[in-house]
Amino acid sequence: MVSLLHEGVIKLVRDRPAFVAELLGGVLQVEVPGFDEARLAEAALNVLVPAEYRADAVVVFERDAPVFGAIIE
């Protein structure tokens, strides 16, 4: 079930993708490698079997090339 908290976090991520690095590091103690840019990526997560999954947001952290990715659900 969608909640205001859920939608609020997704809005923050979509408006400022680098916020995900703060969430991962500060809340989950996941170390995100150094990056110059964080950008949203395609959120459709397709598989070969006839199923489709869509994430609320996908963020890619880059330093000349992708260095880390996060799927926000």
N, C-alpha and C. Protein backbone atom coordinates (compact mmCIF):
# COMPACT_ATOMS: atom_id res chain seq x y z
N MET A 1 0.83 -1.17 0.00
CA MET A 1 0.00 0.00 0.00
C MET A 1 0.89 1.25 0.00
N VAL A 2 0.58 2.18 -0.85
CA VAL A 2 1.34 3.40 -0.97
C VAL A 2 1.01 4.33 0.21
N SER A 3 2.06 4.91 0.79
CA SER A 3 1.86 5.84 1.91
C SER A 3 2.50 7.18 1.58
N LEU A 4 2.17 8.17 2.36
CA LEU A 4 2.76 9.49 2.19
C LEU A 4 4.26 9.44 2.42
N LEU A 5 4.71 8.66 3.41
CA LEU A 5 6.15 8.51 3.66
C LEU A 5 6.85 7.91 2.45
N HIS A 6 6.28 6.83 1.92
CA HIS A 6 6.85 6.17 0.73
C HIS A 6 6.95 7.14 -0.43
N GLU A 7 5.88 7.83 -0.73
CA GLU A 7 5.86 8.76 -1.85
C GLU A 7 6.80 9.93 -1.61
N GLY A 8 6.93 10.37 -0.35
CA GLY A 8 7.84 11.46 -0.02
C GLY A 8 9.29 11.10 -0.28
N VAL A 9 9.69 9.90 0.13
CA VAL A 9 11.07 9.46 -0.10
C VAL A 9 11.34 9.34 -1.61
N ILE A 10 10.41 8.79 -2.35
CA ILE A 10 10.58 8.65 -3.80
C ILE A 10 10.69 10.02 -4.45
N LYS A 11 9.89 10.98 -4.02
CA LYS A 11 9.95 12.34 -4.57
C LYS A 11 11.33 12.95 -4.29
N LEU A 12 11.84 12.77 -3.07
CA LEU A 12 13.18 13.27 -2.74
C LEU A 12 14.24 12.66 -3.65
N VAL A 13 14.14 11.35 -3.87
CA VAL A 13 15.11 10.65 -4.73
C VAL A 13 15.02 11.16 -6.17
N ARG A 14 13.81 11.30 -6.67
CA ARG A 14 13.65 11.76 -8.06
C ARG A 14 14.12 13.20 -8.21
N ASP A 15 13.91 14.04 -7.21
CA ASP A 15 14.34 15.44 -7.29
C ASP A 15 15.84 15.60 -7.06
N ARG A 16 16.43 14.73 -6.24
CA ARG A 16 17.86 14.84 -5.93
C ARG A 16 18.43 13.43 -5.77
N PRO A 17 18.80 12.78 -6.89
CA PRO A 17 19.27 11.40 -6.85
C PRO A 17 20.45 11.16 -5.90
N ALA A 18 21.33 12.15 -5.71
CA ALA A 18 22.47 11.96 -4.81
C ALA A 18 22.03 11.72 -3.37
N PHE A 19 20.80 12.05 -3.03
CA PHE A 19 20.25 11.80 -1.71
C PHE A 19 20.32 10.32 -1.35
N VAL A 20 20.29 9.45 -2.35
CA VAL A 20 20.35 8.01 -2.11
C VAL A 20 21.67 7.63 -1.44
N ALA A 21 22.76 8.27 -1.82
CA ALA A 21 24.06 7.99 -1.18
C ALA A 21 23.99 8.32 0.31
N GLU A 22 23.32 9.42 0.65
CA GLU A 22 23.16 9.80 2.05
C GLU A 22 22.30 8.77 2.79
N LEU A 23 21.22 8.33 2.16
CA LEU A 23 20.36 7.32 2.79
C LEU A 23 21.11 6.01 2.99
N LEU A 24 21.80 5.55 1.96
CA LEU A 24 22.52 4.29 2.06
C LEU A 24 23.61 4.35 3.12
N GLY A 25 24.38 5.43 3.13
CA GLY A 25 25.48 5.55 4.09
C GLY A 25 25.00 5.83 5.50
N GLY A 26 24.07 6.77 5.64
CA GLY A 26 23.63 7.18 6.97
C GLY A 26 22.68 6.22 7.65
N VAL A 27 21.82 5.59 6.89
CA VAL A 27 20.80 4.72 7.48
C VAL A 27 21.20 3.25 7.44
N LEU A 28 21.76 2.81 6.31
CA LEU A 28 22.05 1.38 6.13
C LEU A 28 23.53 1.04 6.23
N GLN A 29 24.39 2.03 6.45
CA GLN A 29 25.84 1.83 6.51
C GLN A 29 26.38 1.11 5.28
N VAL A 30 25.83 1.42 4.11
CA VAL A 30 26.33 0.90 2.83
C VAL A 30 27.24 1.97 2.25
N GLU A 31 28.50 1.62 1.99
CA GLU A 31 29.45 2.59 1.46
C GLU A 31 29.28 2.72 -0.04
N VAL A 32 28.94 3.91 -0.48
CA VAL A 32 28.83 4.20 -1.91
C VAL A 32 30.19 4.73 -2.38
N PRO A 33 30.75 4.16 -3.45
CA PRO A 33 32.04 4.65 -3.95
C PRO A 33 31.94 6.13 -4.31
N GLY A 34 33.08 6.81 -4.35
CA GLY A 34 33.10 8.21 -4.76
C GLY A 34 32.48 8.38 -6.12
N PHE A 35 31.75 9.46 -6.32
CA PHE A 35 31.09 9.71 -7.59
C PHE A 35 31.04 11.20 -7.85
N ASP A 36 30.96 11.57 -9.12
CA ASP A 36 30.84 12.96 -9.53
C ASP A 36 29.40 13.34 -9.81
N GLU A 37 28.60 12.37 -10.18
CA GLU A 37 27.21 12.63 -10.58
C GLU A 37 26.33 11.46 -10.17
N ALA A 38 25.10 11.77 -9.76
CA ALA A 38 24.08 10.75 -9.52
C ALA A 38 22.92 11.09 -10.46
N ARG A 39 22.46 10.12 -11.23
CA ARG A 39 21.38 10.38 -12.17
C ARG A 39 20.34 9.27 -12.09
N LEU A 40 19.12 9.62 -12.42
CA LEU A 40 18.07 8.61 -12.50
C LEU A 40 18.28 7.78 -13.75
N ALA A 41 17.95 6.51 -13.67
CA ALA A 41 18.05 5.61 -14.81
C ALA A 41 16.68 4.97 -15.04
N GLU A 42 16.57 4.21 -16.10
CA GLU A 42 15.32 3.52 -16.42
C GLU A 42 14.88 2.67 -15.24
N ALA A 43 13.60 2.72 -14.90
CA ALA A 43 13.09 2.02 -13.72
C ALA A 43 12.34 0.74 -14.06
N ALA A 44 12.22 0.39 -15.34
CA ALA A 44 11.58 -0.87 -15.73
C ALA A 44 12.61 -1.99 -15.56
N LEU A 45 12.25 -3.01 -14.80
CA LEU A 45 13.16 -4.13 -14.52
C LEU A 45 12.60 -5.39 -15.17
N ASN A 46 12.83 -5.52 -16.45
CA ASN A 46 12.29 -6.63 -17.22
C ASN A 46 13.14 -7.88 -17.08
N VAL A 47 12.50 -9.04 -17.18
CA VAL A 47 13.18 -10.33 -17.18
C VAL A 47 12.73 -11.09 -18.41
N LEU A 48 13.38 -12.21 -18.72
CA LEU A 48 13.06 -12.97 -19.92
C LEU A 48 11.69 -13.63 -19.88
N VAL A 49 11.27 -14.07 -18.72
CA VAL A 49 9.93 -14.65 -18.62
C VAL A 49 8.92 -13.51 -18.72
N PRO A 50 7.69 -13.81 -19.13
CA PRO A 50 6.72 -12.72 -19.34
C PRO A 50 6.30 -12.05 -18.02
N ALA A 51 7.19 -11.25 -17.49
CA ALA A 51 6.88 -10.47 -16.28
C ALA A 51 7.62 -9.16 -16.39
N GLU A 52 7.08 -8.16 -15.80
CA GLU A 52 7.73 -6.86 -15.79
C GLU A 52 7.67 -6.30 -14.39
N TYR A 53 8.79 -5.79 -13.94
CA TYR A 53 8.88 -5.18 -12.63
C TYR A 53 9.28 -3.73 -12.83
N ARG A 54 8.69 -2.84 -12.08
CA ARG A 54 9.05 -1.43 -12.16
C ARG A 54 9.44 -0.95 -10.77
N ALA A 55 10.62 -0.37 -10.70
CA ALA A 55 11.09 0.22 -9.46
C ALA A 55 10.50 1.63 -9.36
N ASP A 56 10.46 2.15 -8.15
CA ASP A 56 10.01 3.53 -7.98
C ASP A 56 11.05 4.49 -8.53
N ALA A 57 12.32 4.13 -8.41
CA ALA A 57 13.40 4.94 -8.97
C ALA A 57 14.66 4.09 -9.05
N VAL A 58 15.50 4.39 -10.01
CA VAL A 58 16.82 3.76 -10.15
C VAL A 58 17.83 4.88 -10.26
N VAL A 59 18.87 4.85 -9.42
CA VAL A 59 19.89 5.90 -9.41
C VAL A 59 21.23 5.27 -9.76
N VAL A 60 21.96 5.91 -10.68
CA VAL A 60 23.29 5.48 -11.07
C VAL A 60 24.27 6.57 -10.63
N PHE A 61 25.31 6.15 -9.90
CA PHE A 61 26.36 7.06 -9.47
C PHE A 61 27.53 6.90 -10.42
N GLU A 62 28.05 8.02 -10.91
CA GLU A 62 29.08 7.96 -11.95
C GLU A 62 30.31 8.76 -11.59
N ARG A 63 31.43 8.29 -12.07
CA ARG A 63 32.70 9.02 -12.07
C ARG A 63 33.35 8.64 -13.39
N ASP A 64 33.04 9.37 -14.42
CA ASP A 64 33.43 9.09 -15.80
C ASP A 64 32.71 7.85 -16.35
N ALA A 65 32.38 6.91 -15.49
CA ALA A 65 31.63 5.71 -15.86
C ALA A 65 30.81 5.32 -14.62
N PRO A 66 29.79 4.48 -14.77
CA PRO A 66 29.03 4.07 -13.60
C PRO A 66 29.92 3.38 -12.56
N VAL A 67 29.75 3.76 -11.27
CA VAL A 67 30.51 3.14 -10.20
C VAL A 67 29.62 2.42 -9.19
N PHE A 68 28.30 2.74 -9.23
CA PHE A 68 27.39 2.14 -8.24
C PHE A 68 25.97 2.40 -8.72
N GLY A 69 25.06 1.51 -8.41
CA GLY A 69 23.66 1.69 -8.74
C GLY A 69 22.79 1.33 -7.56
N ALA A 70 21.63 1.97 -7.47
CA ALA A 70 20.69 1.68 -6.39
C ALA A 70 19.28 1.65 -6.94
N ILE A 71 18.53 0.62 -6.58
CA ILE A 71 17.13 0.51 -6.94
C ILE A 71 16.33 0.91 -5.71
N ILE A 72 15.47 1.92 -5.87
CA ILE A 72 14.69 2.45 -4.76
C ILE A 72 13.28 1.91 -4.87
N GLU A 73 12.83 1.23 -3.87
CA GLU A 73 11.51 0.63 -3.87
C GLU A 73 10.80 0.95 -2.59
